[in-house]
Amino acid sequence: MISRTIRSGQSLSHPGSIVLIGDVNPGGEVFAKGNVIVWGTLAGLVHAGNCGDEKAFIIALQLIPTQLRIAHHIACAPEQAPDTPRRVEIAYLQKNRIVIEDYNNTKNMLANLS
C-alpha cells in the first residue's frame, strides 16, 4: 500500500498488485505486474498486468483515465459529463476487450478472476 498522489510527469512501478491511497493526476503513470486499486481519482495512465496477466483489474473511486492498459490491451475511458456522480468502477478484460463497470455490480465476479 502506498499513500501519495502521482502527479504529471511522475511514474510509479510495482512488481505485484498495488493499492494507492491518493490520486493519479493527468500525465501521471502507474504500472503494476498485478492489480491496481486507486483509493482516489484515476485521471492518468494505469497499466495493470504489465507482464501479460490478463486476469488483472483496475479499481478506482473515480475512473476518468487518459489511458487504461491491462496486459497487452489498451483503452481510453469514455467521455463523462461533468455532473456524473462519483462511483467506484472496475476495469477488466472480457473477450479481449477492456470493459468498465460499476464495481457494485461486479464485486462477485472478482472471486472468479483470482
PDB file of N, CA and C in Angstrom:
ATOM      1  N   MET A   1       0.855  -1.164   0.000  1.00  0.00           N
ATOM      2  CA  MET A   1       0.000   0.000   0.000  1.00  0.00           C
ATOM      3  C   MET A   1       0.905   1.232   0.000  1.00  0.00           C
ATOM      4  N   ILE A   2       0.569   2.166  -0.868  1.00  0.00           N
ATOM      5  CA  ILE A   2       1.337   3.402  -0.988  1.00  0.00           C
ATOM      6  C   ILE A   2       0.376   4.571  -0.833  1.00  0.00           C
ATOM      7  N   SER A   3       0.762   5.536  -0.024  1.00  0.00           N
ATOM      8  CA  SER A   3      -0.079   6.705   0.206  1.00  0.00           C
ATOM      9  C   SER A   3       0.618   7.934  -0.369  1.00  0.00           C
ATOM     10  N   ARG A   4       0.180   8.348  -1.562  1.00  0.00           N
ATOM     11  CA  ARG A   4       0.713   9.549  -2.210  1.00  0.00           C
ATOM     12  C   ARG A   4      -0.086   9.843  -3.469  1.00  0.00           C
ATOM     13  N   THR A   5       0.096  11.020  -4.001  1.00  0.00           N
ATOM     14  CA  THR A   5      -0.519  11.400  -5.267  1.00  0.00           C
ATOM     15  C   THR A   5       0.538  11.313  -6.355  1.00  0.00           C
ATOM     16  N   ILE A   6       0.166  10.720  -7.484  1.00  0.00           N
ATOM     17  CA  ILE A   6       1.064  10.634  -8.634  1.00  0.00           C
ATOM     18  C   ILE A   6       0.730  11.816  -9.537  1.00  0.00           C
ATOM     19  N   ARG A   7       1.650  12.748  -9.621  1.00  0.00           N
ATOM     20  CA  ARG A   7       1.425  13.978 -10.380  1.00  0.00           C
ATOM     21  C   ARG A   7       1.916  13.833 -11.815  1.00  0.00           C
ATOM     22  N   SER A   8       1.569  14.802 -12.651  1.00  0.00           N
ATOM     23  CA  SER A   8       2.005  14.815 -14.043  1.00  0.00           C
ATOM     24  C   SER A   8       3.523  14.685 -14.119  1.00  0.00           C
ATOM     25  N   GLY A   9       3.989  13.767 -14.958  1.00  0.00           N
ATOM     26  CA  GLY A   9       5.419  13.545 -15.119  1.00  0.00           C
ATOM     27  C   GLY A   9       5.991  12.514 -14.166  1.00  0.00           C
ATOM     28  N   GLN A  10       5.216  12.087 -13.168  1.00  0.00           N
ATOM     29  CA  GLN A  10       5.687  11.082 -12.221  1.00  0.00           C
ATOM     30  C   GLN A  10       5.209   9.699 -12.644  1.00  0.00           C
ATOM     31  N   SER A  11       5.995   8.688 -12.305  1.00  0.00           N
ATOM     32  CA  SER A  11       5.673   7.313 -12.648  1.00  0.00           C
ATOM     33  C   SER A  11       5.916   6.435 -11.425  1.00  0.00           C
ATOM     34  N   LEU A  12       5.038   5.462 -11.221  1.00  0.00           N
ATOM     35  CA  LEU A  12       5.164   4.516 -10.121  1.00  0.00           C
ATOM     36  C   LEU A  12       5.082   3.114 -10.704  1.00  0.00           C
ATOM     37  N   SER A  13       6.071   2.274 -10.410  1.00  0.00           N
ATOM     38  CA  SER A  13       6.071   0.881 -10.867  1.00  0.00           C
ATOM     39  C   SER A  13       6.100  -0.026  -9.651  1.00  0.00           C
ATOM     40  N   HIS A  14       5.418  -1.177  -9.771  1.00  0.00           N
ATOM     41  CA  HIS A  14       5.366  -2.119  -8.653  1.00  0.00           C
ATOM     42  C   HIS A  14       5.439  -3.543  -9.202  1.00  0.00           C
ATOM     43  N   PRO A  15       6.195  -4.439  -8.537  1.00  0.00           N
ATOM     44  CA  PRO A  15       6.362  -5.801  -9.046  1.00  0.00           C
ATOM     45  C   PRO A  15       5.187  -6.743  -8.760  1.00  0.00           C
ATOM     46  N   GLY A  16       4.124  -6.249  -8.140  1.00  0.00           N
ATOM     47  CA  GLY A  16       2.948  -7.071  -7.839  1.00  0.00           C
ATOM     48  C   GLY A  16       1.701  -6.227  -7.941  1.00  0.00           C
ATOM     49  N   SER A  17       0.698  -6.541  -7.139  1.00  0.00           N
ATOM     50  CA  SER A  17      -0.515  -5.719  -7.072  1.00  0.00           C
ATOM     51  C   SER A  17      -0.253  -4.531  -6.159  1.00  0.00           C
ATOM     52  N   ILE A  18      -0.977  -3.440  -6.399  1.00  0.00           N
ATOM     53  CA  ILE A  18      -0.741  -2.221  -5.634  1.00  0.00           C
ATOM     54  C   ILE A  18      -2.058  -1.569  -5.233  1.00  0.00           C
ATOM     55  N   VAL A  19      -2.092  -1.048  -4.014  1.00  0.00           N
ATOM     56  CA  VAL A  19      -3.187  -0.203  -3.554  1.00  0.00           C
ATOM     57  C   VAL A  19      -2.583   1.179  -3.346  1.00  0.00           C
ATOM     58  N   LEU A  20      -3.100   2.148  -4.065  1.00  0.00           N
ATOM     59  CA  LEU A  20      -2.611   3.522  -3.987  1.00  0.00           C
ATOM     60  C   LEU A  20      -3.666   4.368  -3.293  1.00  0.00           C
ATOM     61  N   ILE A  21      -3.304   4.941  -2.149  1.00  0.00           N
ATOM     62  CA  ILE A  21      -4.205   5.845  -1.440  1.00  0.00           C
ATOM     63  C   ILE A  21      -3.807   7.242  -1.896  1.00  0.00           C
ATOM     64  N   GLY A  22      -4.583   7.796  -2.801  1.00  0.00           N
ATOM     65  CA  GLY A  22      -4.273   9.086  -3.401  1.00  0.00           C
ATOM     66  C   GLY A  22      -4.777   9.100  -4.828  1.00  0.00           C
ATOM     67  N   ASP A  23      -4.432  10.135  -5.543  1.00  0.00           N
ATOM     68  CA  ASP A  23      -4.896  10.301  -6.922  1.00  0.00           C
ATOM     69  C   ASP A  23      -3.779  10.007  -7.915  1.00  0.00           C
ATOM     70  N   VAL A  24      -4.188   9.702  -9.143  1.00  0.00           N
ATOM     71  CA  VAL A  24      -3.269   9.650 -10.277  1.00  0.00           C
ATOM     72  C   VAL A  24      -3.723  10.770 -11.200  1.00  0.00           C
ATOM     73  N   ASN A  25      -2.979  11.859 -11.198  1.00  0.00           N
ATOM     74  CA  ASN A  25      -3.349  13.030 -11.993  1.00  0.00           C
ATOM     75  C   ASN A  25      -3.064  12.809 -13.476  1.00  0.00           C
ATOM     76  N   PRO A  26      -3.699  13.602 -14.363  1.00  0.00           N
ATOM     77  CA  PRO A  26      -3.375  13.507 -15.791  1.00  0.00           C
ATOM     78  C   PRO A  26      -1.869  13.690 -15.986  1.00  0.00           C
ATOM     79  N   GLY A  27      -1.272  12.826 -16.790  1.00  0.00           N
ATOM     80  CA  GLY A  27       0.170  12.859 -17.005  1.00  0.00           C
ATOM     81  C   GLY A  27       0.934  11.979 -16.038  1.00  0.00           C
ATOM     82  N   GLY A  28       0.267  11.477 -14.984  1.00  0.00           N
ATOM     83  CA  GLY A  28       0.880  10.535 -14.052  1.00  0.00           C
ATOM     84  C   GLY A  28       0.680   9.114 -14.553  1.00  0.00           C
ATOM     85  N   GLU A  29       1.588   8.212 -14.169  1.00  0.00           N
ATOM     86  CA  GLU A  29       1.537   6.834 -14.657  1.00  0.00           C
ATOM     87  C   GLU A  29       1.756   5.845 -13.519  1.00  0.00           C
ATOM     88  N   VAL A  30       0.999   4.742 -13.556  1.00  0.00           N
ATOM     89  CA  VAL A  30       1.164   3.650 -12.596  1.00  0.00           C
ATOM     90  C   VAL A  30       1.245   2.351 -13.385  1.00  0.00           C
ATOM     91  N   PHE A  31       2.284   1.561 -13.101  1.00  0.00           N
ATOM     92  CA  PHE A  31       2.494   0.275 -13.758  1.00  0.00           C
ATOM     93  C   PHE A  31       2.610  -0.797 -12.685  1.00  0.00           C
ATOM     94  N   ALA A  32       1.897  -1.912 -12.864  1.00  0.00           N
ATOM     95  CA  ALA A  32       1.963  -3.000 -11.889  1.00  0.00           C
ATOM     96  C   ALA A  32       1.866  -4.339 -12.599  1.00  0.00           C
ATOM     97  N   LYS A  33       2.598  -5.315 -12.067  1.00  0.00           N
ATOM     98  CA  LYS A  33       2.523  -6.667 -12.605  1.00  0.00           C
ATOM     99  C   LYS A  33       1.164  -7.290 -12.302  1.00  0.00           C
ATOM    100  N   GLY A  34       0.540  -6.856 -11.207  1.00  0.00           N
ATOM    101  CA  GLY A  34      -0.763  -7.383 -10.801  1.00  0.00           C
ATOM    102  C   GLY A  34      -1.863  -6.355 -10.948  1.00  0.00           C
ATOM    103  N   ASN A  35      -2.767  -6.334  -9.977  1.00  0.00           N
ATOM    104  CA  ASN A  35      -3.924  -5.435  -9.988  1.00  0.00           C
ATOM    105  C   ASN A  35      -3.537  -4.049  -9.485  1.00  0.00           C
ATOM    106  N   VAL A  36      -4.339  -3.056  -9.865  1.00  0.00           N
ATOM    107  CA  VAL A  36      -4.142  -1.689  -9.385  1.00  0.00           C
ATOM    108  C   VAL A  36      -5.455  -1.209  -8.777  1.00  0.00           C
ATOM    109  N   ILE A  37      -5.399  -0.796  -7.515  1.00  0.00           N
ATOM    110  CA  ILE A  37      -6.558  -0.217  -6.840  1.00  0.00           C
ATOM    111  C   ILE A  37      -6.170   1.193  -6.417  1.00  0.00           C
ATOM    112  N   VAL A  38      -6.940   2.169  -6.876  1.00  0.00           N
ATOM    113  CA  VAL A  38      -6.662   3.569  -6.563  1.00  0.00           C
ATOM    114  C   VAL A  38      -7.776   4.072  -5.651  1.00  0.00           C
ATOM    115  N   TRP A  39      -7.416   4.381  -4.417  1.00  0.00           N
ATOM    116  CA  TRP A  39      -8.368   4.923  -3.459  1.00  0.00           C
ATOM    117  C   TRP A  39      -8.349   6.434  -3.635  1.00  0.00           C
ATOM    118  N   GLY A  40      -8.899   6.862  -4.781  1.00  0.00           N
ATOM    119  CA  GLY A  40      -8.909   8.263  -5.166  1.00  0.00           C
ATOM    120  C   GLY A  40      -9.332   8.366  -6.624  1.00  0.00           C
ATOM    121  N   THR A  41      -8.985   9.483  -7.247  1.00  0.00           N
ATOM    122  CA  THR A  41      -9.330   9.711  -8.652  1.00  0.00           C
ATOM    123  C   THR A  41      -8.205   9.225  -9.547  1.00  0.00           C
ATOM    124  N   LEU A  42      -8.559   8.405 -10.530  1.00  0.00           N
ATOM    125  CA  LEU A  42      -7.588   7.925 -11.504  1.00  0.00           C
ATOM    126  C   LEU A  42      -7.817   8.720 -12.787  1.00  0.00           C
ATOM    127  N   ALA A  43      -6.952   9.699 -13.048  1.00  0.00           N
ATOM    128  CA  ALA A  43      -7.100  10.550 -14.225  1.00  0.00           C
ATOM    129  C   ALA A  43      -5.892  10.458 -15.149  1.00  0.00           C
ATOM    130  N   GLY A  44      -4.934   9.603 -14.825  1.00  0.00           N
ATOM    131  CA  GLY A  44      -3.737   9.432 -15.654  1.00  0.00           C
ATOM    132  C   GLY A  44      -3.764   8.098 -16.367  1.00  0.00           C
ATOM    133  N   LEU A  45      -2.580   7.520 -16.570  1.00  0.00           N
ATOM    134  CA  LEU A  45      -2.425   6.237 -17.251  1.00  0.00           C
ATOM    135  C   LEU A  45      -2.145   5.160 -16.213  1.00  0.00           C
ATOM    136  N   VAL A  46      -2.837   4.034 -16.322  1.00  0.00           N
ATOM    137  CA  VAL A  46      -2.585   2.890 -15.446  1.00  0.00           C
ATOM    138  C   VAL A  46      -2.456   1.640 -16.299  1.00  0.00           C
ATOM    139  N   HIS A  47      -1.406   0.851 -16.009  1.00  0.00           N
ATOM    140  CA  HIS A  47      -1.186  -0.415 -16.704  1.00  0.00           C
ATOM    141  C   HIS A  47      -1.125  -1.523 -15.659  1.00  0.00           C
ATOM    142  N   ALA A  48      -2.190  -2.308 -15.570  1.00  0.00           N
ATOM    143  CA  ALA A  48      -2.245  -3.465 -14.670  1.00  0.00           C
ATOM    144  C   ALA A  48      -1.882  -4.714 -15.464  1.00  0.00           C
ATOM    145  N   GLY A  49      -1.269  -5.677 -14.810  1.00  0.00           N
ATOM    146  CA  GLY A  49      -0.879  -6.902 -15.514  1.00  0.00           C
ATOM    147  C   GLY A  49       0.150  -6.635 -16.594  1.00  0.00           C
ATOM    148  N   ASN A  50       1.099  -5.746 -16.314  1.00  0.00           N
ATOM    149  CA  ASN A  50       2.015  -5.294 -17.365  1.00  0.00           C
ATOM    150  C   ASN A  50       3.000  -6.356 -17.842  1.00  0.00           C
ATOM    151  N   CYS A  51       2.977  -7.535 -17.234  1.00  0.00           N
ATOM    152  CA  CYS A  51       3.791  -8.651 -17.732  1.00  0.00           C
ATOM    153  C   CYS A  51       2.918  -9.681 -18.455  1.00  0.00           C
ATOM    154  N   GLY A  52       1.714  -9.271 -18.844  1.00  0.00           N
ATOM    155  CA  GLY A  52       0.840 -10.140 -19.621  1.00  0.00           C
ATOM    156  C   GLY A  52      -0.291 -10.799 -18.856  1.00  0.00           C
ATOM    157  N   ASP A  53      -0.521 -10.423 -17.605  1.00  0.00           N
ATOM    158  CA  ASP A  53      -1.589 -11.029 -16.798  1.00  0.00           C
ATOM    159  C   ASP A  53      -2.955 -10.498 -17.227  1.00  0.00           C
ATOM    160  N   GLU A  54      -3.691 -11.303 -17.982  1.00  0.00           N
ATOM    161  CA  GLU A  54      -4.999 -10.885 -18.489  1.00  0.00           C
ATOM    162  C   GLU A  54      -6.098 -10.975 -17.429  1.00  0.00           C
ATOM    163  N   LYS A  55      -5.792 -11.513 -16.247  1.00  0.00           N
ATOM    164  CA  LYS A  55      -6.773 -11.545 -15.155  1.00  0.00           C
ATOM    165  C   LYS A  55      -6.656 -10.321 -14.253  1.00  0.00           C
ATOM    166  N   ALA A  56      -5.696  -9.461 -14.527  1.00  0.00           N
ATOM    167  CA  ALA A  56      -5.509  -8.255 -13.716  1.00  0.00           C
ATOM    168  C   ALA A  56      -6.696  -7.315 -13.906  1.00  0.00           C
ATOM    169  N   PHE A  57      -6.915  -6.460 -12.908  1.00  0.00           N
ATOM    170  CA  PHE A  57      -8.006  -5.490 -12.995  1.00  0.00           C
ATOM    171  C   PHE A  57      -7.573  -4.175 -12.377  1.00  0.00           C
ATOM    172  N   ILE A  58      -8.369  -3.147 -12.641  1.00  0.00           N
ATOM    173  CA  ILE A  58      -8.122  -1.802 -12.128  1.00  0.00           C
ATOM    174  C   ILE A  58      -9.402  -1.338 -11.446  1.00  0.00           C
ATOM    175  N   ILE A  59      -9.282  -0.827 -10.224  1.00  0.00           N
ATOM    176  CA  ILE A  59     -10.427  -0.285  -9.498  1.00  0.00           C
ATOM    177  C   ILE A  59     -10.060   1.121  -9.041  1.00  0.00           C
ATOM    178  N   ALA A  60     -11.004   2.048  -9.133  1.00  0.00           N
ATOM    179  CA  ALA A  60     -10.772   3.407  -8.637  1.00  0.00           C
ATOM    180  C   ALA A  60     -12.074   3.995  -8.121  1.00  0.00           C
ATOM    181  N   LEU A  61     -11.937   4.916  -7.157  1.00  0.00           N
ATOM    182  CA  LEU A  61     -13.122   5.606  -6.649  1.00  0.00           C
ATOM    183  C   LEU A  61     -13.741   6.471  -7.739  1.00  0.00           C
ATOM    184  N   GLN A  62     -12.900   7.055  -8.580  1.00  0.00           N
ATOM    185  CA  GLN A  62     -13.382   7.793  -9.750  1.00  0.00           C
ATOM    186  C   GLN A  62     -12.448   7.454 -10.898  1.00  0.00           C
ATOM    187  N   LEU A  63     -12.998   6.888 -11.958  1.00  0.00           N
ATOM    188  CA  LEU A  63     -12.213   6.375 -13.076  1.00  0.00           C
ATOM    189  C   LEU A  63     -12.410   7.271 -14.291  1.00  0.00           C
ATOM    190  N   ILE A  64     -11.469   8.200 -14.493  1.00  0.00           N
ATOM    191  CA  ILE A  64     -11.510   9.102 -15.653  1.00  0.00           C
ATOM    192  C   ILE A  64     -10.110   9.155 -16.281  1.00  0.00           C
ATOM    193  N   PRO A  65      -9.570   7.998 -16.678  1.00  0.00           N
ATOM    194  CA  PRO A  65      -8.175   7.915 -17.105  1.00  0.00           C
ATOM    195  C   PRO A  65      -7.926   8.489 -18.494  1.00  0.00           C
ATOM    196  N   THR A  66      -6.665   8.857 -18.720  1.00  0.00           N
ATOM    197  CA  THR A  66      -6.267   9.189 -20.085  1.00  0.00           C
ATOM    198  C   THR A  66      -6.102   7.900 -20.868  1.00  0.00           C
ATOM    199  N   GLN A  67      -5.646   6.841 -20.184  1.00  0.00           N
ATOM    200  CA  GLN A  67      -5.500   5.545 -20.842  1.00  0.00           C
ATOM    201  C   GLN A  67      -5.458   4.441 -19.790  1.00  0.00           C
ATOM    202  N   LEU A  68      -6.083   3.306 -20.126  1.00  0.00           N
ATOM    203  CA  LEU A  68      -6.028   2.101 -19.299  1.00  0.00           C
ATOM    204  C   LEU A  68      -5.361   1.008 -20.110  1.00  0.00           C
ATOM    205  N   ARG A  69      -4.529   0.222 -19.442  1.00  0.00           N
ATOM    206  CA  ARG A  69      -3.919  -0.939 -20.084  1.00  0.00           C
ATOM    207  C   ARG A  69      -4.043  -2.119 -19.131  1.00  0.00           C
ATOM    208  N   ILE A  70      -4.460  -3.241 -19.694  1.00  0.00           N
ATOM    209  CA  ILE A  70      -4.465  -4.500 -18.953  1.00  0.00           C
ATOM    210  C   ILE A  70      -3.782  -5.514 -19.853  1.00  0.00           C
ATOM    211  N   ALA A  71      -2.684  -6.083 -19.350  1.00  0.00           N
ATOM    212  CA  ALA A  71      -1.839  -6.977 -20.148  1.00  0.00           C
ATOM    213  C   ALA A  71      -1.439  -6.227 -21.420  1.00  0.00           C
ATOM    214  N   HIS A  72      -1.805  -6.741 -22.584  1.00  0.00           N
ATOM    215  CA  HIS A  72      -1.422  -6.102 -23.847  1.00  0.00           C
ATOM    216  C   HIS A  72      -2.591  -5.365 -24.495  1.00  0.00           C
ATOM    217  N   HIS A  73      -3.630  -5.099 -23.740  1.00  0.00           N
ATOM    218  CA  HIS A  73      -4.828  -4.434 -24.250  1.00  0.00           C
ATOM    219  C   HIS A  73      -4.847  -2.980 -23.773  1.00  0.00           C
ATOM    220  N   ILE A  74      -5.305  -2.088 -24.641  1.00  0.00           N
ATOM    221  CA  ILE A  74      -5.301  -0.651 -24.352  1.00  0.00           C
ATOM    222  C   ILE A  74      -6.694  -0.082 -24.589  1.00  0.00           C
ATOM    223  N   ALA A  75      -7.115   0.829 -23.707  1.00  0.00           N
ATOM    224  CA  ALA A  75      -8.408   1.501 -23.870  1.00  0.00           C
ATOM    225  C   ALA A  75      -8.348   2.884 -23.232  1.00  0.00           C
ATOM    226  N   CYS A  76      -9.233   3.737 -23.680  1.00  0.00           N
ATOM    227  CA  CYS A  76      -9.439   5.042 -23.057  1.00  0.00           C
ATOM    228  C   CYS A  76     -10.854   5.043 -22.497  1.00  0.00           C
ATOM    229  N   ALA A  77     -11.050   5.733 -21.408  1.00  0.00           N
ATOM    230  CA  ALA A  77     -12.385   5.794 -20.815  1.00  0.00           C
ATOM    231  C   ALA A  77     -13.283   6.675 -21.667  1.00  0.00           C
ATOM    232  N   PRO A  78     -14.567   6.352 -21.731  1.00  0.00           N
ATOM    233  CA  PRO A  78     -15.490   7.206 -22.479  1.00  0.00           C
ATOM    234  C   PRO A  78     -15.623   8.566 -21.813  1.00  0.00           C
ATOM    235  N   GLU A  79     -15.988   9.559 -22.606  1.00  0.00           N
ATOM    236  CA  GLU A  79     -16.209  10.903 -22.064  1.00  0.00           C
ATOM    237  C   GLU A  79     -17.349  10.853 -21.055  1.00  0.00           C
ATOM    238  N   GLN A  80     -17.181  11.577 -19.958  1.00  0.00           N
ATOM    239  CA  GLN A  80     -18.228  11.648 -18.945  1.00  0.00           C
ATOM    240  C   GLN A  80     -18.680  13.088 -18.801  1.00  0.00           C
ATOM    241  N   ALA A  81     -19.951  13.254 -18.554  1.00  0.00           N
ATOM    242  CA  ALA A  81     -20.468  14.595 -18.289  1.00  0.00           C
ATOM    243  C   ALA A  81     -19.902  15.080 -16.960  1.00  0.00           C
ATOM    244  N   PRO A  82     -19.648  16.391 -16.833  1.00  0.00           N
ATOM    245  CA  PRO A  82     -19.062  16.901 -15.589  1.00  0.00           C
ATOM    246  C   PRO A  82     -19.914  16.649 -14.349  1.00  0.00           C
ATOM    247  N   ASP A  83     -21.217  16.472 -14.522  1.00  0.00           N
ATOM    248  CA  ASP A  83     -22.083  16.258 -13.365  1.00  0.00           C
ATOM    249  C   ASP A  83     -22.328  14.776 -13.073  1.00  0.00           C
ATOM    250  N   THR A  84     -21.539  13.885 -13.704  1.00  0.00           N
ATOM    251  CA  THR A  84     -21.682  12.464 -13.450  1.00  0.00           C
ATOM    252  C   THR A  84     -21.316  12.168 -11.995  1.00  0.00           C
ATOM    253  N   PRO A  85     -22.202  11.493 -11.253  1.00  0.00           N
ATOM    254  CA  PRO A  85     -21.887  11.218  -9.845  1.00  0.00           C
ATOM    255  C   PRO A  85     -20.685  10.282  -9.720  1.00  0.00           C
ATOM    256  N   ARG A  86     -19.928  10.475  -8.649  1.00  0.00           N
ATOM    257  CA  ARG A  86     -18.787   9.601  -8.390  1.00  0.00           C
ATOM    258  C   ARG A  86     -19.295   8.218  -8.021  1.00  0.00           C
ATOM    259  N   ARG A  87     -18.596   7.204  -8.518  1.00  0.00           N
ATOM    260  CA  ARG A  87     -18.914   5.833  -8.147  1.00  0.00           C
ATOM    261  C   ARG A  87     -17.662   4.996  -8.340  1.00  0.00           C
ATOM    262  N   VAL A  88     -17.535   3.973  -7.548  1.00  0.00           N
ATOM    263  CA  VAL A  88     -16.394   3.075  -7.673  1.00  0.00           C
ATOM    264  C   VAL A  88     -16.589   2.251  -8.942  1.00  0.00           C
ATOM    265  N   GLU A  89     -15.543   2.209  -9.773  1.00  0.00           N
ATOM    266  CA  GLU A  89     -15.627   1.458 -11.025  1.00  0.00           C
ATOM    267  C   GLU A  89     -14.464   0.484 -11.129  1.00  0.00           C
ATOM    268  N   ILE A  90     -14.678  -0.550 -11.919  1.00  0.00           N
ATOM    269  CA  ILE A  90     -13.660  -1.563 -12.163  1.00  0.00           C
ATOM    270  C   ILE A  90     -13.474  -1.717 -13.666  1.00  0.00           C
ATOM    271  N   ALA A  91     -12.230  -1.870 -14.072  1.00  0.00           N
ATOM    272  CA  ALA A  91     -11.900  -2.163 -15.467  1.00  0.00           C
ATOM    273  C   ALA A  91     -11.247  -3.543 -15.487  1.00  0.00           C
ATOM    274  N   TYR A  92     -11.703  -4.393 -16.394  1.00  0.00           N
ATOM    275  CA  TYR A  92     -11.158  -5.743 -16.507  1.00  0.00           C
ATOM    276  C   TYR A  92     -11.332  -6.218 -17.939  1.00  0.00           C
ATOM    277  N   LEU A  93     -10.666  -7.319 -18.279  1.00  0.00           N
ATOM    278  CA  LEU A  93     -10.770  -7.873 -19.628  1.00  0.00           C
ATOM    279  C   LEU A  93     -11.944  -8.831 -19.726  1.00  0.00           C
ATOM    280  N   GLN A  94     -12.671  -8.690 -20.809  1.00  0.00           N
ATOM    281  CA  GLN A  94     -13.762  -9.609 -21.115  1.00  0.00           C
ATOM    282  C   GLN A  94     -13.771  -9.789 -22.626  1.00  0.00           C
ATOM    283  N   LYS A  95     -13.516 -10.999 -23.083  1.00  0.00           N
ATOM    284  CA  LYS A  95     -13.473 -11.305 -24.517  1.00  0.00           C
ATOM    285  C   LYS A  95     -12.502 -10.380 -25.250  1.00  0.00           C
ATOM    286  N   ASN A  96     -11.296 -10.253 -24.697  1.00  0.00           N
ATOM    287  CA  ASN A  96     -10.207  -9.457 -25.280  1.00  0.00           C
ATOM    288  C   ASN A  96     -10.496  -7.969 -25.395  1.00  0.00           C
ATOM    289  N   ARG A  97     -11.423  -7.466 -24.599  1.00  0.00           N
ATOM    290  CA  ARG A  97     -11.713  -6.028 -24.562  1.00  0.00           C
ATOM    291  C   ARG A  97     -11.721  -5.572 -23.114  1.00  0.00           C
ATOM    292  N   ILE A  98     -11.254  -4.345 -22.903  1.00  0.00           N
ATOM    293  CA  ILE A  98     -11.325  -3.771 -21.568  1.00  0.00           C
ATOM    294  C   ILE A  98     -12.721  -3.195 -21.383  1.00  0.00           C
ATOM    295  N   VAL A  99     -13.408  -3.663 -20.360  1.00  0.00           N
ATOM    296  CA  VAL A  99     -14.733  -3.136 -20.044  1.00  0.00           C
ATOM    297  C   VAL A  99     -14.658  -2.415 -18.698  1.00  0.00           C
ATOM    298  N   ILE A 100     -15.465  -1.376 -18.568  1.00  0.00           N
ATOM    299  CA  ILE A 100     -15.534  -0.598 -17.336  1.00  0.00           C
ATOM    300  C   ILE A 100     -16.960  -0.686 -16.824  1.00  0.00           C
ATOM    301  N   GLU A 101     -17.104  -1.095 -15.568  1.00  0.00           N
ATOM    302  CA  GLU A 101     -18.432  -1.246 -14.984  1.00  0.00           C
ATOM    303  C   GLU A 101     -18.445  -0.713 -13.560  1.00  0.00           C
ATOM    304  N   ASP A 102     -19.634  -0.473 -13.068  1.00  0.00           N
ATOM    305  CA  ASP A 102     -19.826  -0.099 -11.672  1.00  0.00           C
ATOM    306  C   ASP A 102     -19.364  -1.275 -10.807  1.00  0.00           C
ATOM    307  N   TYR A 103     -18.469  -1.009  -9.879  1.00  0.00           N
ATOM    308  CA  TYR A 103     -17.914  -2.068  -9.033  1.00  0.00           C
ATOM    309  C   TYR A 103     -19.003  -2.817  -8.266  1.00  0.00           C
ATOM    310  N   ASN A 104     -20.018  -2.119  -7.801  1.00  0.00           N
ATOM    311  CA  ASN A 104     -21.075  -2.764  -7.019  1.00  0.00           C
ATOM    312  C   ASN A 104     -21.826  -3.820  -7.810  1.00  0.00           C
ATOM    313  N   ASN A 105     -21.820  -3.711  -9.140  1.00  0.00           N
ATOM    314  CA  ASN A 105     -22.492  -4.709  -9.973  1.00  0.00           C
ATOM    315  C   ASN A 105     -21.599  -5.898 -10.283  1.00  0.00           C
ATOM    316  N   THR A 106     -20.295  -5.797  -9.985  1.00  0.00           N
ATOM    317  CA  THR A 106     -19.363  -6.843 -10.407  1.00  0.00           C
ATOM    318  C   THR A 106     -18.529  -7.433  -9.280  1.00  0.00           C
ATOM    319  N   LYS A 107     -18.716  -7.024  -8.037  1.00  0.00           N
ATOM    320  CA  LYS A 107     -17.804  -7.478  -6.980  1.00  0.00           C
ATOM    321  C   LYS A 107     -17.805  -8.988  -6.792  1.00  0.00           C
ATOM    322  N   ASN A 108     -18.891  -9.675  -7.099  1.00  0.00           N
ATOM    323  CA  ASN A 108     -18.885 -11.136  -7.014  1.00  0.00           C
ATOM    324  C   ASN A 108     -18.017 -11.751  -8.101  1.00  0.00           C
ATOM    325  N   MET A 109     -17.834 -11.031  -9.206  1.00  0.00           N
ATOM    326  CA  MET A 109     -17.020 -11.504 -10.309  1.00  0.00           C
ATOM    327  C   MET A 109     -15.549 -11.604  -9.921  1.00  0.00           C
ATOM    328  N   LEU A 110     -15.099 -10.811  -8.953  1.00  0.00           N
ATOM    329  CA  LEU A 110     -13.689 -10.807  -8.563  1.00  0.00           C
ATOM    330  C   LEU A 110     -13.225 -12.173  -8.080  1.00  0.00           C
ATOM    331  N   ALA A 111     -14.088 -12.931  -7.463  1.00  0.00           N
ATOM    332  CA  ALA A 111     -13.710 -14.260  -6.990  1.00  0.00           C
ATOM    333  C   ALA A 111     -13.305 -15.152  -8.157  1.00  0.00           C
ATOM    334  N   ASN A 112     -13.895 -14.936  -9.322  1.00  0.00           N
ATOM    335  CA  ASN A 112     -13.576 -15.739 -10.496  1.00  0.00           C
ATOM    336  C   ASN A 112     -12.298 -15.285 -11.185  1.00  0.00           C
ATOM    337  N   LEU A 113     -11.852 -14.046 -10.938  1.00  0.00           N
ATOM    338  CA  LEU A 113     -10.634 -13.540 -11.572  1.00  0.00           C
ATOM    339  C   LEU A 113      -9.377 -14.012 -10.863  1.00  0.00           C
ATOM    340  N   SER A 114      -9.478 -14.369  -9.607  1.00  0.00           N
ATOM    341  CA  SER A 114      -8.287 -14.735  -8.821  1.00  0.00           C
ATOM    342  C   SER A 114      -7.747 -16.082  -9.212  1.00  0.00           C
TER     343      SER A 114
END
